[in-house]
Amino acid sequence: MTGTEEKLRRPLLWAGLAVVFLIMVNAPDAGLLPIHDRLVEKAISLVGALLFVIAGVLAIRRTAGYVDARLSRRGMGSAGSILAVVISAAGYCVIVLTALSALAIPLQQLVVGGALTGVVVGIAAQQTLGNVFAGLMILMVRPFRVGDTIEVRSGALNGPFTGRVRALGLTYVTLAAENGTLLLPNAGVLAAGVTVGLHHPQ
């Protein structure tokens, strides 16, 4: 078995265990276990839900790490990092909602509370979220790539800045400039005028 197959087998193994534990959560209500003590049934469901969450989190982390590593080896490290974050966030949401649903916990109140919390967090993290979405746009449109030499002209960033693109991250564009390393917020770069293909010394 090659190293790639081994790394792919691990998230699949944890995903399979998560499915088994999810069946364990629903086993008492489905009559799959010859148990008539409601307290014991509830304990089995709670333990199964806990094991399901643990196995699911490990499966998602392994999957995100595998995707990140594969894309990094192909020279797409920035895209791999962002895709790993998206996979992790979506996967964790699915795991939590699935576990709560399996335990017959009403989701309506949680959804309302989550919506209010999301509004508060969104306002507090407006600048960070703006940089994240700008980073996704830069990766999709690809106005420049890692290795390109660019000049960023933006009043908001107090530019211009010239340098070679070292990395396209989730919140920053990293430039190697003559006077050191520059970290430019993605939102500022996306809103700026950018000249691509300048000659820049090594």
N, C-alpha and C. Protein backbone atom coordinates (compact mmCIF):
# COMPACT_ATOMS: atom_id res chain seq x y z
N MET A 1 0.85 -1.20 0.00
CA MET A 1 0.00 0.00 0.00
C MET A 1 0.88 1.25 0.00
N THR A 2 0.63 2.18 -0.92
CA THR A 2 1.43 3.39 -1.01
C THR A 2 1.07 4.36 0.11
N GLY A 3 1.95 5.39 0.28
CA GLY A 3 1.69 6.38 1.31
C GLY A 3 0.41 7.14 1.08
N THR A 4 0.10 7.43 -0.20
CA THR A 4 -1.13 8.16 -0.52
C THR A 4 -2.36 7.33 -0.17
N GLU A 5 -2.32 6.04 -0.50
CA GLU A 5 -3.45 5.17 -0.18
C GLU A 5 -3.64 5.04 1.33
N GLU A 6 -2.52 5.00 2.06
CA GLU A 6 -2.60 4.91 3.51
C GLU A 6 -3.23 6.16 4.11
N LYS A 7 -2.85 7.34 3.61
CA LYS A 7 -3.41 8.59 4.12
C LYS A 7 -4.89 8.71 3.77
N LEU A 8 -5.29 8.16 2.63
CA LEU A 8 -6.70 8.20 2.24
C LEU A 8 -7.51 7.18 3.03
N ARG A 9 -6.88 6.08 3.42
CA ARG A 9 -7.59 5.04 4.15
C ARG A 9 -7.98 5.48 5.56
N ARG A 10 -7.17 6.33 6.17
CA ARG A 10 -7.44 6.75 7.54
C ARG A 10 -8.74 7.54 7.68
N PRO A 11 -8.96 8.59 6.85
CA PRO A 11 -10.25 9.29 6.99
C PRO A 11 -11.44 8.40 6.67
N LEU A 12 -11.27 7.46 5.72
CA LEU A 12 -12.36 6.54 5.41
C LEU A 12 -12.66 5.63 6.59
N LEU A 13 -11.61 5.21 7.30
CA LEU A 13 -11.80 4.36 8.47
C LEU A 13 -12.56 5.10 9.56
N TRP A 14 -12.17 6.34 9.84
CA TRP A 14 -12.87 7.12 10.86
C TRP A 14 -14.30 7.43 10.44
N ALA A 15 -14.52 7.67 9.15
CA ALA A 15 -15.88 7.91 8.66
C ALA A 15 -16.75 6.67 8.86
N GLY A 16 -16.17 5.49 8.60
CA GLY A 16 -16.91 4.25 8.82
C GLY A 16 -17.27 4.06 10.28
N LEU A 17 -16.33 4.37 11.17
CA LEU A 17 -16.61 4.27 12.61
C LEU A 17 -17.70 5.25 13.02
N ALA A 18 -17.68 6.45 12.43
CA ALA A 18 -18.71 7.44 12.75
C ALA A 18 -20.10 6.91 12.38
N VAL A 19 -20.20 6.23 11.24
CA VAL A 19 -21.48 5.65 10.83
C VAL A 19 -21.93 4.58 11.82
N VAL A 20 -20.98 3.75 12.26
CA VAL A 20 -21.30 2.70 13.23
C VAL A 20 -21.82 3.31 14.53
N PHE A 21 -21.16 4.36 15.01
CA PHE A 21 -21.58 5.00 16.26
C PHE A 21 -22.93 5.70 16.09
N LEU A 22 -23.20 6.21 14.89
CA LEU A 22 -24.50 6.84 14.65
C LEU A 22 -25.61 5.79 14.71
N ILE A 23 -25.34 4.61 14.19
CA ILE A 23 -26.30 3.51 14.31
C ILE A 23 -26.51 3.15 15.78
N MET A 24 -25.42 3.21 16.55
CA MET A 24 -25.50 2.93 17.99
C MET A 24 -26.42 3.93 18.69
N VAL A 25 -26.37 5.19 18.25
CA VAL A 25 -27.24 6.21 18.86
C VAL A 25 -28.71 5.87 18.64
N ASN A 26 -29.04 5.41 17.44
CA ASN A 26 -30.44 5.15 17.10
C ASN A 26 -30.89 3.73 17.43
N ALA A 27 -29.95 2.88 17.86
CA ALA A 27 -30.29 1.48 18.11
C ALA A 27 -31.38 1.29 19.16
N PRO A 28 -31.34 1.98 20.32
CA PRO A 28 -32.40 1.76 21.32
C PRO A 28 -33.79 2.10 20.80
N ASP A 29 -33.94 3.25 20.14
CA ASP A 29 -35.26 3.65 19.64
C ASP A 29 -35.73 2.77 18.50
N ALA A 30 -34.79 2.20 17.75
CA ALA A 30 -35.16 1.34 16.62
C ALA A 30 -35.44 -0.09 17.06
N GLY A 31 -35.25 -0.38 18.33
CA GLY A 31 -35.50 -1.73 18.83
C GLY A 31 -34.43 -2.73 18.45
N LEU A 32 -33.22 -2.24 18.13
CA LEU A 32 -32.14 -3.15 17.74
C LEU A 32 -31.47 -3.79 18.94
N LEU A 33 -31.69 -3.23 20.14
CA LEU A 33 -31.10 -3.78 21.35
C LEU A 33 -32.21 -4.27 22.28
N PRO A 34 -32.05 -5.48 22.84
CA PRO A 34 -33.08 -6.02 23.74
C PRO A 34 -33.00 -5.41 25.13
N ILE A 35 -33.16 -4.09 25.20
CA ILE A 35 -33.06 -3.37 26.47
C ILE A 35 -34.36 -2.60 26.68
N HIS A 36 -34.92 -2.72 27.88
CA HIS A 36 -36.19 -2.07 28.16
C HIS A 36 -36.06 -1.03 29.27
N ASP A 37 -34.85 -0.79 29.70
CA ASP A 37 -34.60 0.23 30.71
C ASP A 37 -34.33 1.55 30.00
N ARG A 38 -35.22 2.52 30.19
CA ARG A 38 -35.11 3.79 29.47
C ARG A 38 -33.83 4.52 29.82
N LEU A 39 -33.40 4.42 31.07
CA LEU A 39 -32.17 5.10 31.49
C LEU A 39 -30.95 4.51 30.79
N VAL A 40 -30.92 3.18 30.67
CA VAL A 40 -29.81 2.52 29.98
C VAL A 40 -29.82 2.89 28.50
N GLU A 41 -31.01 2.92 27.90
CA GLU A 41 -31.11 3.30 26.48
C GLU A 41 -30.59 4.71 26.26
N LYS A 42 -30.95 5.62 27.18
CA LYS A 42 -30.49 7.00 27.05
C LYS A 42 -28.98 7.09 27.18
N ALA A 43 -28.41 6.30 28.10
CA ALA A 43 -26.96 6.30 28.29
C ALA A 43 -26.25 5.78 27.04
N ILE A 44 -26.81 4.72 26.43
CA ILE A 44 -26.21 4.18 25.21
C ILE A 44 -26.25 5.21 24.09
N SER A 45 -27.37 5.92 23.98
CA SER A 45 -27.49 6.94 22.93
C SER A 45 -26.49 8.07 23.15
N LEU A 46 -26.33 8.50 24.40
CA LEU A 46 -25.40 9.59 24.70
C LEU A 46 -23.95 9.17 24.41
N VAL A 47 -23.59 7.96 24.82
CA VAL A 47 -22.23 7.47 24.56
C VAL A 47 -22.01 7.33 23.05
N GLY A 48 -23.00 6.81 22.35
CA GLY A 48 -22.88 6.69 20.90
C GLY A 48 -22.73 8.03 20.22
N ALA A 49 -23.48 9.04 20.70
CA ALA A 49 -23.38 10.38 20.12
C ALA A 49 -22.00 10.97 20.36
N LEU A 50 -21.46 10.76 21.57
CA LEU A 50 -20.13 11.27 21.88
C LEU A 50 -19.07 10.62 20.99
N LEU A 51 -19.16 9.29 20.85
CA LEU A 51 -18.20 8.59 20.00
C LEU A 51 -18.37 8.99 18.53
N PHE A 52 -19.62 9.24 18.12
CA PHE A 52 -19.86 9.69 16.74
C PHE A 52 -19.19 11.03 16.48
N VAL A 53 -19.32 11.96 17.44
CA VAL A 53 -18.70 13.28 17.27
C VAL A 53 -17.18 13.15 17.20
N ILE A 54 -16.60 12.33 18.09
CA ILE A 54 -15.14 12.17 18.09
C ILE A 54 -14.65 11.57 16.77
N ALA A 55 -15.31 10.48 16.33
CA ALA A 55 -14.90 9.84 15.08
C ALA A 55 -15.13 10.76 13.89
N GLY A 56 -16.24 11.51 13.91
CA GLY A 56 -16.51 12.43 12.81
C GLY A 56 -15.49 13.55 12.72
N VAL A 57 -15.12 14.10 13.88
CA VAL A 57 -14.12 15.17 13.89
C VAL A 57 -12.78 14.66 13.37
N LEU A 58 -12.39 13.47 13.80
CA LEU A 58 -11.13 12.90 13.32
C LEU A 58 -11.18 12.63 11.81
N ALA A 59 -12.33 12.15 11.33
CA ALA A 59 -12.47 11.90 9.89
C ALA A 59 -12.34 13.20 9.09
N ILE A 60 -12.96 14.26 9.59
CA ILE A 60 -12.90 15.54 8.89
C ILE A 60 -11.49 16.11 8.92
N ARG A 61 -10.83 16.03 10.07
CA ARG A 61 -9.47 16.55 10.17
C ARG A 61 -8.53 15.79 9.25
N ARG A 62 -8.68 14.47 9.19
CA ARG A 62 -7.84 13.67 8.30
C ARG A 62 -8.12 14.02 6.83
N THR A 63 -9.41 14.19 6.51
CA THR A 63 -9.77 14.52 5.13
C THR A 63 -9.22 15.88 4.73
N ALA A 64 -9.40 16.88 5.61
CA ALA A 64 -8.90 18.22 5.32
C ALA A 64 -7.39 18.22 5.17
N GLY A 65 -6.70 17.49 6.05
CA GLY A 65 -5.25 17.40 5.96
C GLY A 65 -4.79 16.71 4.68
N TYR A 66 -5.52 15.68 4.27
CA TYR A 66 -5.19 14.96 3.03
C TYR A 66 -5.34 15.88 1.82
N VAL A 67 -6.46 16.62 1.76
CA VAL A 67 -6.70 17.53 0.64
C VAL A 67 -5.63 18.63 0.61
N ASP A 68 -5.32 19.19 1.78
CA ASP A 68 -4.32 20.25 1.86
C ASP A 68 -2.96 19.75 1.38
N ALA A 69 -2.57 18.55 1.83
CA ALA A 69 -1.27 18.00 1.44
C ALA A 69 -1.21 17.71 -0.06
N ARG A 70 -2.30 17.16 -0.61
CA ARG A 70 -2.31 16.83 -2.04
C ARG A 70 -2.18 18.08 -2.90
N LEU A 71 -2.93 19.13 -2.55
CA LEU A 71 -2.87 20.36 -3.34
C LEU A 71 -1.53 21.07 -3.14
N SER A 72 -0.96 20.98 -1.95
CA SER A 72 0.35 21.60 -1.71
C SER A 72 1.43 20.96 -2.57
N ARG A 73 1.37 19.64 -2.73
CA ARG A 73 2.35 18.96 -3.57
C ARG A 73 2.21 19.34 -5.03
N ARG A 74 1.04 19.83 -5.41
CA ARG A 74 0.82 20.27 -6.79
C ARG A 74 1.05 21.77 -6.96
N GLY A 75 1.62 22.41 -5.95
CA GLY A 75 1.91 23.84 -6.03
C GLY A 75 0.71 24.72 -5.79
N MET A 76 -0.33 24.19 -5.14
CA MET A 76 -1.55 24.95 -4.86
C MET A 76 -1.78 24.99 -3.35
N GLY A 77 -0.72 25.35 -2.62
CA GLY A 77 -0.80 25.34 -1.17
C GLY A 77 -1.86 26.26 -0.60
N SER A 78 -1.99 27.46 -1.17
CA SER A 78 -2.98 28.42 -0.67
C SER A 78 -4.40 27.91 -0.87
N ALA A 79 -4.66 27.39 -2.07
CA ALA A 79 -5.99 26.83 -2.33
C ALA A 79 -6.26 25.65 -1.43
N GLY A 80 -5.24 24.83 -1.17
CA GLY A 80 -5.41 23.68 -0.30
C GLY A 80 -5.76 24.09 1.12
N SER A 81 -5.10 25.15 1.62
CA SER A 81 -5.38 25.61 2.98
C SER A 81 -6.80 26.12 3.11
N ILE A 82 -7.24 26.90 2.13
CA ILE A 82 -8.60 27.45 2.19
C ILE A 82 -9.63 26.34 2.03
N LEU A 83 -9.38 25.40 1.12
CA LEU A 83 -10.32 24.29 0.94
C LEU A 83 -10.39 23.43 2.20
N ALA A 84 -9.26 23.27 2.88
CA ALA A 84 -9.25 22.50 4.13
C ALA A 84 -10.10 23.19 5.19
N VAL A 85 -10.03 24.52 5.26
CA VAL A 85 -10.85 25.26 6.22
C VAL A 85 -12.33 25.10 5.89
N VAL A 86 -12.68 25.18 4.61
CA VAL A 86 -14.08 25.04 4.20
C VAL A 86 -14.60 23.64 4.53
N ILE A 87 -13.79 22.62 4.23
CA ILE A 87 -14.19 21.24 4.54
C ILE A 87 -14.39 21.07 6.04
N SER A 88 -13.48 21.62 6.83
CA SER A 88 -13.58 21.49 8.28
C SER A 88 -14.83 22.17 8.82
N ALA A 89 -15.07 23.41 8.39
CA ALA A 89 -16.22 24.16 8.90
C ALA A 89 -17.53 23.47 8.53
N ALA A 90 -17.66 23.08 7.26
CA ALA A 90 -18.89 22.41 6.82
C ALA A 90 -19.06 21.07 7.53
N GLY A 91 -17.98 20.33 7.65
CA GLY A 91 -18.05 19.02 8.29
C GLY A 91 -18.44 19.10 9.75
N TYR A 92 -17.86 20.05 10.48
CA TYR A 92 -18.20 20.19 11.90
C TYR A 92 -19.67 20.55 12.08
N CYS A 93 -20.18 21.42 11.21
CA CYS A 93 -21.60 21.78 11.30
C CYS A 93 -22.49 20.56 11.07
N VAL A 94 -22.14 19.75 10.07
CA VAL A 94 -22.92 18.55 9.78
C VAL A 94 -22.89 17.58 10.96
N ILE A 95 -21.72 17.41 11.56
CA ILE A 95 -21.58 16.48 12.68
C ILE A 95 -22.44 16.93 13.87
N VAL A 96 -22.34 18.20 14.22
CA VAL A 96 -23.09 18.70 15.37
C VAL A 96 -24.59 18.58 15.13
N LEU A 97 -25.06 18.99 13.96
CA LEU A 97 -26.49 18.93 13.67
C LEU A 97 -26.98 17.48 13.61
N THR A 98 -26.16 16.59 13.06
CA THR A 98 -26.55 15.18 13.00
C THR A 98 -26.65 14.57 14.39
N ALA A 99 -25.68 14.88 15.25
CA ALA A 99 -25.70 14.34 16.61
C ALA A 99 -26.90 14.86 17.39
N LEU A 100 -27.19 16.15 17.27
CA LEU A 100 -28.35 16.71 17.98
C LEU A 100 -29.65 16.12 17.46
N SER A 101 -29.74 15.95 16.15
CA SER A 101 -30.94 15.37 15.57
C SER A 101 -31.12 13.92 16.01
N ALA A 102 -30.02 13.16 16.07
CA ALA A 102 -30.10 11.76 16.48
C ALA A 102 -30.54 11.64 17.94
N LEU A 103 -30.19 12.62 18.76
CA LEU A 103 -30.58 12.61 20.17
C LEU A 103 -31.96 13.22 20.39
N ALA A 104 -32.64 13.56 19.28
CA ALA A 104 -34.00 14.14 19.35
C ALA A 104 -34.02 15.45 20.12
N ILE A 105 -32.95 16.22 19.99
CA ILE A 105 -32.89 17.55 20.61
C ILE A 105 -33.50 18.55 19.64
N PRO A 106 -34.49 19.35 20.05
CA PRO A 106 -35.12 20.30 19.13
C PRO A 106 -34.12 21.32 18.61
N LEU A 107 -34.11 21.48 17.28
CA LEU A 107 -33.13 22.35 16.65
C LEU A 107 -33.63 23.77 16.42
N GLN A 108 -34.94 23.99 16.56
CA GLN A 108 -35.47 25.32 16.24
C GLN A 108 -34.89 26.40 17.14
N GLN A 109 -34.86 26.12 18.45
CA GLN A 109 -34.31 27.11 19.37
C GLN A 109 -32.81 27.31 19.13
N LEU A 110 -32.13 26.20 18.81
CA LEU A 110 -30.70 26.32 18.54
C LEU A 110 -30.44 27.13 17.28
N VAL A 111 -31.31 26.94 16.27
CA VAL A 111 -31.13 27.69 15.02
C VAL A 111 -31.33 29.18 15.26
N VAL A 112 -32.37 29.53 16.04
CA VAL A 112 -32.61 30.95 16.34
C VAL A 112 -31.45 31.54 17.13
N GLY A 113 -31.00 30.81 18.16
CA GLY A 113 -29.86 31.29 18.94
C GLY A 113 -28.60 31.38 18.10
N GLY A 114 -28.41 30.39 17.22
CA GLY A 114 -27.24 30.41 16.35
C GLY A 114 -27.28 31.57 15.37
N ALA A 115 -28.48 31.90 14.89
CA ALA A 115 -28.61 33.03 13.96
C ALA A 115 -28.24 34.34 14.65
N LEU A 116 -28.74 34.52 15.89
CA LEU A 116 -28.41 35.74 16.63
C LEU A 116 -26.91 35.80 16.92
N THR A 117 -26.35 34.66 17.32
CA THR A 117 -24.91 34.62 17.58
C THR A 117 -24.12 34.92 16.31
N GLY A 118 -24.60 34.38 15.18
CA GLY A 118 -23.92 34.62 13.91
C GLY A 118 -23.91 36.09 13.54
N VAL A 119 -25.02 36.79 13.81
CA VAL A 119 -25.09 38.23 13.51
C VAL A 119 -24.07 38.99 14.36
N VAL A 120 -24.02 38.66 15.65
CA VAL A 120 -23.07 39.34 16.55
C VAL A 120 -21.63 39.07 16.14
N VAL A 121 -21.33 37.79 15.87
CA VAL A 121 -19.97 37.44 15.46
C VAL A 121 -19.63 38.07 14.12
N GLY A 122 -20.61 38.10 13.20
CA GLY A 122 -20.36 38.69 11.89
C GLY A 122 -20.02 40.17 11.98
N ILE A 123 -20.72 40.89 12.87
CA ILE A 123 -20.42 42.31 13.05
C ILE A 123 -19.04 42.49 13.67
N ALA A 124 -18.74 41.65 14.68
CA ALA A 124 -17.46 41.78 15.38
C ALA A 124 -16.29 41.41 14.47
N ALA A 125 -16.51 40.43 13.59
CA ALA A 125 -15.42 39.95 12.73
C ALA A 125 -15.60 40.39 11.29
N GLN A 126 -16.21 41.54 11.09
CA GLN A 126 -16.51 42.00 9.73
C GLN A 126 -15.25 42.13 8.88
N GLN A 127 -14.20 42.71 9.46
CA GLN A 127 -12.97 42.91 8.70
C GLN A 127 -12.31 41.59 8.34
N THR A 128 -12.28 40.67 9.31
CA THR A 128 -11.67 39.36 9.06
C THR A 128 -12.45 38.60 8.00
N LEU A 129 -13.79 38.60 8.11
CA LEU A 129 -14.60 37.90 7.11
C LEU A 129 -14.43 38.53 5.74
N GLY A 130 -14.30 39.87 5.70
CA GLY A 130 -14.07 40.53 4.42
C GLY A 130 -12.77 40.07 3.78
N ASN A 131 -11.73 39.89 4.59
CA ASN A 131 -10.46 39.40 4.07
C ASN A 131 -10.57 37.96 3.58
N VAL A 132 -11.35 37.15 4.30
CA VAL A 132 -11.52 35.75 3.90
C VAL A 132 -12.23 35.66 2.55
N PHE A 133 -13.34 36.39 2.40
CA PHE A 133 -14.07 36.35 1.13
C PHE A 133 -13.24 36.95 0.00
N ALA A 134 -12.48 38.00 0.31
CA ALA A 134 -11.59 38.56 -0.71
C ALA A 134 -10.53 37.55 -1.12
N GLY A 135 -10.02 36.78 -0.14
CA GLY A 135 -9.05 35.75 -0.46
C GLY A 135 -9.62 34.67 -1.37
N LEU A 136 -10.87 34.29 -1.11
CA LEU A 136 -11.53 33.32 -1.99
C LEU A 136 -11.68 33.86 -3.40
N MET A 137 -12.04 35.14 -3.51
CA MET A 137 -12.18 35.75 -4.84
C MET A 137 -10.83 35.79 -5.57
N ILE A 138 -9.77 36.12 -4.85
CA ILE A 138 -8.44 36.16 -5.48
C ILE A 138 -8.05 34.78 -5.99
N LEU A 139 -8.37 33.74 -5.22
CA LEU A 139 -8.03 32.39 -5.64
C LEU A 139 -8.87 31.94 -6.84
N MET A 140 -10.13 32.38 -6.90
CA MET A 140 -10.98 31.97 -8.01
C MET A 140 -10.65 32.75 -9.29
N VAL A 141 -10.49 34.06 -9.16
CA VAL A 141 -10.21 34.90 -10.34
C VAL A 141 -8.75 34.77 -10.76
N ARG A 142 -7.85 34.59 -9.78
CA ARG A 142 -6.42 34.42 -10.01
C ARG A 142 -5.83 35.56 -10.84
N PRO A 143 -5.92 36.81 -10.36
CA PRO A 143 -5.29 37.93 -11.09
C PRO A 143 -3.77 37.83 -11.07
N PHE A 144 -3.23 37.12 -10.10
CA PHE A 144 -1.79 36.86 -10.03
C PHE A 144 -1.59 35.55 -9.28
N ARG A 145 -0.40 35.00 -9.43
CA ARG A 145 -0.10 33.70 -8.83
C ARG A 145 1.15 33.80 -7.96
N VAL A 146 1.38 32.76 -7.19
CA VAL A 146 2.60 32.69 -6.39
C VAL A 146 3.80 32.69 -7.34
N GLY A 147 4.75 33.57 -7.08
CA GLY A 147 5.92 33.71 -7.94
C GLY A 147 5.88 34.94 -8.82
N ASP A 148 4.67 35.51 -9.04
CA ASP A 148 4.56 36.74 -9.83
C ASP A 148 5.09 37.93 -9.04
N THR A 149 5.65 38.89 -9.75
CA THR A 149 6.06 40.15 -9.13
C THR A 149 5.00 41.19 -9.44
N ILE A 150 4.46 41.80 -8.39
CA ILE A 150 3.34 42.72 -8.56
C ILE A 150 3.62 44.04 -7.85
N GLU A 151 2.87 45.05 -8.26
CA GLU A 151 2.87 46.34 -7.57
C GLU A 151 1.43 46.64 -7.17
N VAL A 152 1.20 46.86 -5.89
CA VAL A 152 -0.13 47.13 -5.36
C VAL A 152 -0.23 48.62 -5.06
N ARG A 153 -1.16 49.29 -5.75
CA ARG A 153 -1.36 50.73 -5.55
C ARG A 153 -2.72 50.94 -4.91
N SER A 154 -2.71 51.31 -3.63
CA SER A 154 -3.95 51.48 -2.89
C SER A 154 -3.77 52.53 -1.82
N GLY A 155 -4.67 53.53 -1.82
CA GLY A 155 -4.62 54.55 -0.78
C GLY A 155 -4.94 53.97 0.59
N ALA A 156 -5.86 52.99 0.62
CA ALA A 156 -6.24 52.39 1.91
C ALA A 156 -5.07 51.67 2.56
N LEU A 157 -4.18 51.11 1.75
CA LEU A 157 -3.02 50.41 2.28
C LEU A 157 -1.79 51.29 2.37
N ASN A 158 -1.94 52.56 1.96
CA ASN A 158 -0.82 53.50 2.00
C ASN A 158 0.33 53.01 1.12
N GLY A 159 -0.03 52.54 -0.11
CA GLY A 159 0.96 52.00 -1.03
C GLY A 159 1.68 53.10 -1.79
N PRO A 160 2.38 52.76 -2.87
CA PRO A 160 2.40 51.43 -3.50
C PRO A 160 3.38 50.47 -2.84
N PHE A 161 3.11 49.16 -3.04
CA PHE A 161 3.98 48.11 -2.54
C PHE A 161 4.38 47.23 -3.72
N THR A 162 5.66 46.91 -3.79
CA THR A 162 6.16 46.06 -4.87
C THR A 162 6.88 44.86 -4.26
N GLY A 163 6.62 43.68 -4.81
CA GLY A 163 7.30 42.49 -4.32
C GLY A 163 6.85 41.26 -5.07
N ARG A 164 7.52 40.16 -4.78
CA ARG A 164 7.16 38.87 -5.39
C ARG A 164 6.18 38.15 -4.47
N VAL A 165 5.13 37.61 -5.06
CA VAL A 165 4.10 36.91 -4.28
C VAL A 165 4.68 35.61 -3.74
N ARG A 166 4.70 35.49 -2.42
CA ARG A 166 5.20 34.28 -1.78
C ARG A 166 4.09 33.32 -1.39
N ALA A 167 2.93 33.88 -1.02
CA ALA A 167 1.82 33.02 -0.60
C ALA A 167 0.52 33.79 -0.72
N LEU A 168 -0.55 33.04 -1.02
CA LEU A 168 -1.91 33.59 -1.03
C LEU A 168 -2.66 32.89 0.10
N GLY A 169 -2.80 33.60 1.21
CA GLY A 169 -3.40 32.98 2.38
C GLY A 169 -4.87 33.29 2.53
N LEU A 170 -5.42 32.84 3.65
CA LEU A 170 -6.84 33.01 3.91
C LEU A 170 -7.18 34.46 4.20
N THR A 171 -6.26 35.21 4.78
CA THR A 171 -6.53 36.61 5.12
C THR A 171 -5.50 37.59 4.55
N TYR A 172 -4.32 37.09 4.16
CA TYR A 172 -3.28 37.99 3.69
C TYR A 172 -2.64 37.49 2.40
N VAL A 173 -2.14 38.45 1.60
CA VAL A 173 -1.23 38.16 0.50
C VAL A 173 0.17 38.47 1.00
N THR A 174 1.07 37.51 0.92
CA THR A 174 2.43 37.69 1.41
C THR A 174 3.36 38.02 0.26
N LEU A 175 4.04 39.16 0.37
CA LEU A 175 4.98 39.61 -0.66
C LEU A 175 6.40 39.60 -0.10
N ALA A 176 7.35 39.18 -0.94
CA ALA A 176 8.76 39.29 -0.61
C ALA A 176 9.27 40.57 -1.26
N ALA A 177 9.50 41.60 -0.44
CA ALA A 177 9.93 42.90 -0.94
C ALA A 177 11.41 43.11 -0.62
N GLU A 178 11.97 44.20 -1.15
CA GLU A 178 13.38 44.48 -0.93
C GLU A 178 13.68 44.75 0.53
N ASN A 179 12.72 45.32 1.25
CA ASN A 179 12.96 45.67 2.65
C ASN A 179 12.37 44.65 3.62
N GLY A 180 11.99 43.47 3.14
CA GLY A 180 11.47 42.43 4.02
C GLY A 180 10.20 41.81 3.49
N THR A 181 9.47 41.15 4.37
CA THR A 181 8.23 40.47 4.01
C THR A 181 7.04 41.36 4.32
N LEU A 182 6.14 41.51 3.34
CA LEU A 182 4.94 42.32 3.51
C LEU A 182 3.71 41.42 3.58
N LEU A 183 2.83 41.71 4.54
CA LEU A 183 1.55 41.02 4.66
C LEU A 183 0.46 42.03 4.35
N LEU A 184 -0.19 41.87 3.20
CA LEU A 184 -1.22 42.80 2.76
C LEU A 184 -2.59 42.15 2.92
N PRO A 185 -3.54 42.81 3.60
CA PRO A 185 -4.89 42.23 3.75
C PRO A 185 -5.54 41.99 2.39
N ASN A 186 -6.19 40.84 2.26
CA ASN A 186 -6.79 40.48 0.98
C ASN A 186 -7.81 41.50 0.49
N ALA A 187 -8.61 42.05 1.42
CA ALA A 187 -9.64 43.01 1.02
C ALA A 187 -9.00 44.25 0.40
N GLY A 188 -7.89 44.72 0.98
CA GLY A 188 -7.20 45.88 0.43
C GLY A 188 -6.59 45.59 -0.93
N VAL A 189 -6.04 44.39 -1.09
CA VAL A 189 -5.43 44.01 -2.38
C VAL A 189 -6.50 43.89 -3.45
N LEU A 190 -7.65 43.30 -3.09
CA LEU A 190 -8.72 43.12 -4.08
C LEU A 190 -9.28 44.46 -4.55
N ALA A 191 -9.28 45.45 -3.66
CA ALA A 191 -9.81 46.77 -4.01
C ALA A 191 -8.76 47.68 -4.63
N ALA A 192 -7.52 47.22 -4.71
CA ALA A 192 -6.42 48.06 -5.19
C ALA A 192 -6.17 47.85 -6.67
N GLY A 193 -5.43 48.79 -7.24
CA GLY A 193 -4.90 48.59 -8.58
C GLY A 193 -3.62 47.78 -8.50
N VAL A 194 -3.53 46.71 -9.27
CA VAL A 194 -2.39 45.80 -9.19
C VAL A 194 -1.75 45.68 -10.56
N THR A 195 -0.45 45.93 -10.62
CA THR A 195 0.33 45.71 -11.83
C THR A 195 1.06 44.39 -11.69
N VAL A 196 0.89 43.50 -12.66
CA VAL A 196 1.46 42.16 -12.60
C VAL A 196 2.56 42.02 -13.64
N GLY A 197 3.64 41.33 -13.28
CA GLY A 197 4.68 41.02 -14.25
C GLY A 197 5.84 41.98 -14.23
N LEU A 198 6.01 42.73 -13.14
CA LEU A 198 7.15 43.64 -13.04
C LEU A 198 8.43 42.84 -12.86
N HIS A 199 9.56 43.45 -13.27
CA HIS A 199 10.85 42.83 -13.02
C HIS A 199 11.26 43.17 -11.60
N HIS A 200 11.56 42.14 -10.83
CA HIS A 200 11.94 42.35 -9.43
C HIS A 200 13.16 41.50 -9.16
N PRO A 201 14.23 42.07 -8.60
CA PRO A 201 15.44 41.30 -8.37
C PRO A 201 15.22 40.19 -7.38
N GLN A 202 16.01 39.12 -7.51
CA GLN A 202 15.91 37.98 -6.60
C GLN A 202 16.26 38.41 -5.18
